[in-house]
Amino acid sequence: MATSLKFRKILFQINAGFLVLMGGMFAILDYVGYRTGQGPLGRMLYGNDLTVGMQEAHGLAFLFGLTLFVYAVPDARPSWHLLCAGIHVLLGGSNLMYWSEIVEHEVIGPEVVVTSIHGLFVLLHSASFFPVRNMPIAADTTTRKGSIP
């Protein structure tokens, strides 16, 4: 596994983009589904007050993505990999925990893809963390002396 600083920053960028895009898009679709019954999950969410959980999860995914863009990409400390892996364990694990709902509402295909992506991010961030876990803490290794890239 490539653990260069460049690879790790690209991984953070891709992860952040995924969370911003999917989290933001589905936070909006959750609201639309709740209010109108339209959208990919509209049948499940329409008038269902428990939609608040999905709205919160997708909104938080969006905010985590923004946080990664602003802080993790330029900083690239190894500990960011642990946070990223944890985010995807939570999101992917939640999909698996409530899989019966996914089956009942016939959204298996898209959820298999999204849950697999969460799993892939867990693996990539875990594999990227361990080789650099003892790296000195330095926000930008290109400008600090004695840092390990």
Protein backbone atom coordinates (compact mmCIF):
# COMPACT_ATOMS: atom_id res chain seq x y z
CA MET A 1 0.00 0.00 0.00
CA ALA A 2 1.33 3.37 -0.94
CA THR A 3 1.58 5.51 2.18
CA SER A 4 3.24 8.54 0.67
CA LEU A 5 1.98 11.93 1.74
CA LYS A 6 0.64 12.53 -1.77
CA PHE A 7 -1.37 9.27 -1.73
CA ARG A 8 -2.73 10.00 1.74
CA LYS A 9 -3.84 13.52 0.77
CA ILE A 10 -5.55 12.18 -2.35
CA LEU A 11 -7.31 9.58 -0.19
CA PHE A 12 -8.53 12.36 2.14
CA GLN A 13 -9.73 14.39 -0.87
CA ILE A 14 -11.64 11.47 -2.39
CA ASN A 15 -13.14 10.60 0.98
CA ALA A 16 -14.15 14.20 1.63
CA GLY A 17 -15.68 14.50 -1.84
CA PHE A 18 -17.68 11.31 -1.35
CA LEU A 19 -19.03 12.47 2.03
CA VAL A 20 -19.87 15.98 0.81
CA LEU A 21 -21.55 14.75 -2.37
CA MET A 22 -23.48 11.81 -0.97
CA GLY A 23 -24.19 13.30 2.45
CA GLY A 24 -25.34 16.62 1.02
CA MET A 25 -27.41 15.10 -1.76
CA PHE A 26 -29.14 12.59 0.51
CA ALA A 27 -29.76 15.13 3.28
CA ILE A 28 -31.77 17.09 0.71
CA LEU A 29 -33.47 13.96 -0.66
CA ASP A 30 -34.39 12.89 2.89
CA TYR A 31 -36.21 16.17 3.41
CA VAL A 32 -37.93 15.98 0.03
CA GLY A 33 -38.94 12.37 0.68
CA TYR A 34 -40.32 13.21 4.11
CA ARG A 35 -42.36 16.16 2.84
CA THR A 36 -43.52 14.90 -0.57
CA GLY A 37 -42.93 11.15 -0.81
CA GLN A 38 -40.75 11.75 -3.88
CA GLY A 39 -37.16 10.67 -4.46
CA PRO A 40 -35.34 7.37 -4.07
CA LEU A 41 -36.49 6.85 -0.48
CA GLY A 42 -39.74 8.82 -0.66
CA ARG A 43 -42.01 5.82 -0.03
CA MET A 44 -40.11 4.97 3.13
CA LEU A 45 -39.70 8.52 4.46
CA TYR A 46 -43.00 10.21 3.62
CA GLY A 47 -44.53 11.50 6.84
CA ASN A 48 -42.25 9.23 8.91
CA ASP A 49 -40.91 11.20 11.86
CA LEU A 50 -38.04 8.73 12.20
CA THR A 51 -36.63 10.34 9.05
CA VAL A 52 -34.82 12.64 11.47
CA GLY A 53 -32.21 9.90 12.00
CA MET A 54 -31.39 9.67 8.30
CA GLN A 55 -31.47 13.45 7.95
CA GLU A 56 -28.97 13.77 10.80
CA ALA A 57 -26.69 10.99 9.51
CA HIS A 58 -26.55 12.40 6.00
CA GLY A 59 -26.13 15.96 7.26
CA LEU A 60 -23.30 14.91 9.56
CA ALA A 61 -21.63 13.00 6.71
CA PHE A 62 -21.74 16.25 4.71
CA LEU A 63 -20.21 18.20 7.61
CA PHE A 64 -17.52 15.56 8.16
CA GLY A 65 -16.66 15.83 4.48
CA LEU A 66 -16.29 19.60 4.74
CA THR A 67 -14.13 19.14 7.84
CA LEU A 68 -11.86 16.75 5.95
CA PHE A 69 -11.47 19.20 3.07
CA VAL A 70 -10.64 22.09 5.39
CA TYR A 71 -8.45 20.32 7.96
CA ALA A 72 -7.40 16.77 7.03
CA VAL A 73 -6.30 17.40 3.45
CA PRO A 74 -3.78 20.15 4.27
CA ASP A 75 -2.82 18.66 7.66
CA ALA A 76 -2.60 14.93 6.81
CA ARG A 77 -1.74 13.79 10.33
CA PRO A 78 -2.00 10.03 10.73
CA SER A 79 -4.79 10.39 13.31
CA TRP A 80 -7.12 11.69 10.59
CA HIS A 81 -7.09 8.17 9.13
CA LEU A 82 -8.55 6.82 12.38
CA LEU A 83 -11.35 9.38 12.32
CA CYS A 84 -12.11 8.59 8.68
CA ALA A 85 -12.15 4.84 9.32
CA GLY A 86 -14.46 5.41 12.30
CA ILE A 87 -16.85 7.54 10.26
CA HIS A 88 -17.16 4.79 7.66
CA VAL A 89 -17.50 2.01 10.26
CA LEU A 90 -20.44 3.97 11.68
CA LEU A 91 -22.09 4.75 8.34
CA GLY A 92 -21.50 1.36 6.70
CA GLY A 93 -22.28 -0.50 9.92
CA SER A 94 -25.58 1.36 10.21
CA ASN A 95 -26.50 0.26 6.69
CA LEU A 96 -25.77 -3.35 7.63
CA MET A 97 -27.61 -3.10 10.95
CA TYR A 98 -30.80 -1.96 9.23
CA TRP A 99 -30.43 -4.11 6.12
CA SER A 100 -33.95 -5.53 6.52
CA GLU A 101 -35.33 -2.03 5.87
CA ILE A 102 -33.19 -1.78 2.74
CA VAL A 103 -34.61 -5.08 1.50
CA GLU A 104 -38.17 -4.15 2.43
CA HIS A 105 -37.98 -0.87 0.51
CA GLU A 106 -36.23 -2.44 -2.48
CA VAL A 107 -33.13 -0.23 -2.56
CA ILE A 108 -30.65 -3.10 -2.36
CA GLY A 109 -28.52 -2.26 -5.42
CA PRO A 110 -27.58 1.30 -4.46
CA GLU A 111 -27.08 0.34 -0.82
CA VAL A 112 -24.73 -2.51 -1.74
CA VAL A 113 -22.61 0.00 -3.67
CA VAL A 114 -22.62 2.64 -0.91
CA THR A 115 -21.97 0.12 1.88
CA SER A 116 -19.10 -1.38 -0.14
CA ILE A 117 -17.60 2.09 -0.57
CA HIS A 118 -17.78 2.62 3.20
CA GLY A 119 -15.98 -0.70 3.67
CA LEU A 120 -13.33 0.25 1.13
CA PHE A 121 -12.65 3.52 2.96
CA VAL A 122 -12.29 1.62 6.25
CA LEU A 123 -9.69 -0.65 4.65
CA LEU A 124 -7.80 2.15 2.88
CA HIS A 125 -7.64 4.41 5.91
CA SER A 126 -6.63 1.56 8.23
CA ALA A 127 -3.92 0.44 5.82
CA SER A 128 -2.73 4.05 5.44
CA PHE A 129 -2.63 4.70 9.18
CA PHE A 130 -0.46 1.86 10.44
CA PRO A 131 2.72 2.53 8.40
CA VAL A 132 2.74 6.20 9.45
CA ARG A 133 1.29 5.96 12.97
CA ASN A 134 4.59 6.91 14.63
CA MET A 135 5.24 9.82 12.30
CA PRO A 136 6.06 13.07 14.13
CA ILE A 137 3.09 15.39 14.34
CA ALA A 138 3.56 18.14 11.78
CA ALA A 139 0.72 19.91 10.06
CA ASP A 140 2.57 20.45 6.79
CA THR A 141 5.56 18.20 6.20
CA THR A 142 6.78 20.27 3.27
CA THR A 143 7.51 23.30 5.45
CA ARG A 144 8.72 21.77 8.71
CA LYS A 145 12.24 20.54 9.29
CA GLY A 146 12.77 16.97 10.36
CA SER A 147 9.33 15.74 9.30
CA ILE A 148 8.80 12.43 7.62
CA PRO A 149 6.71 12.71 4.43
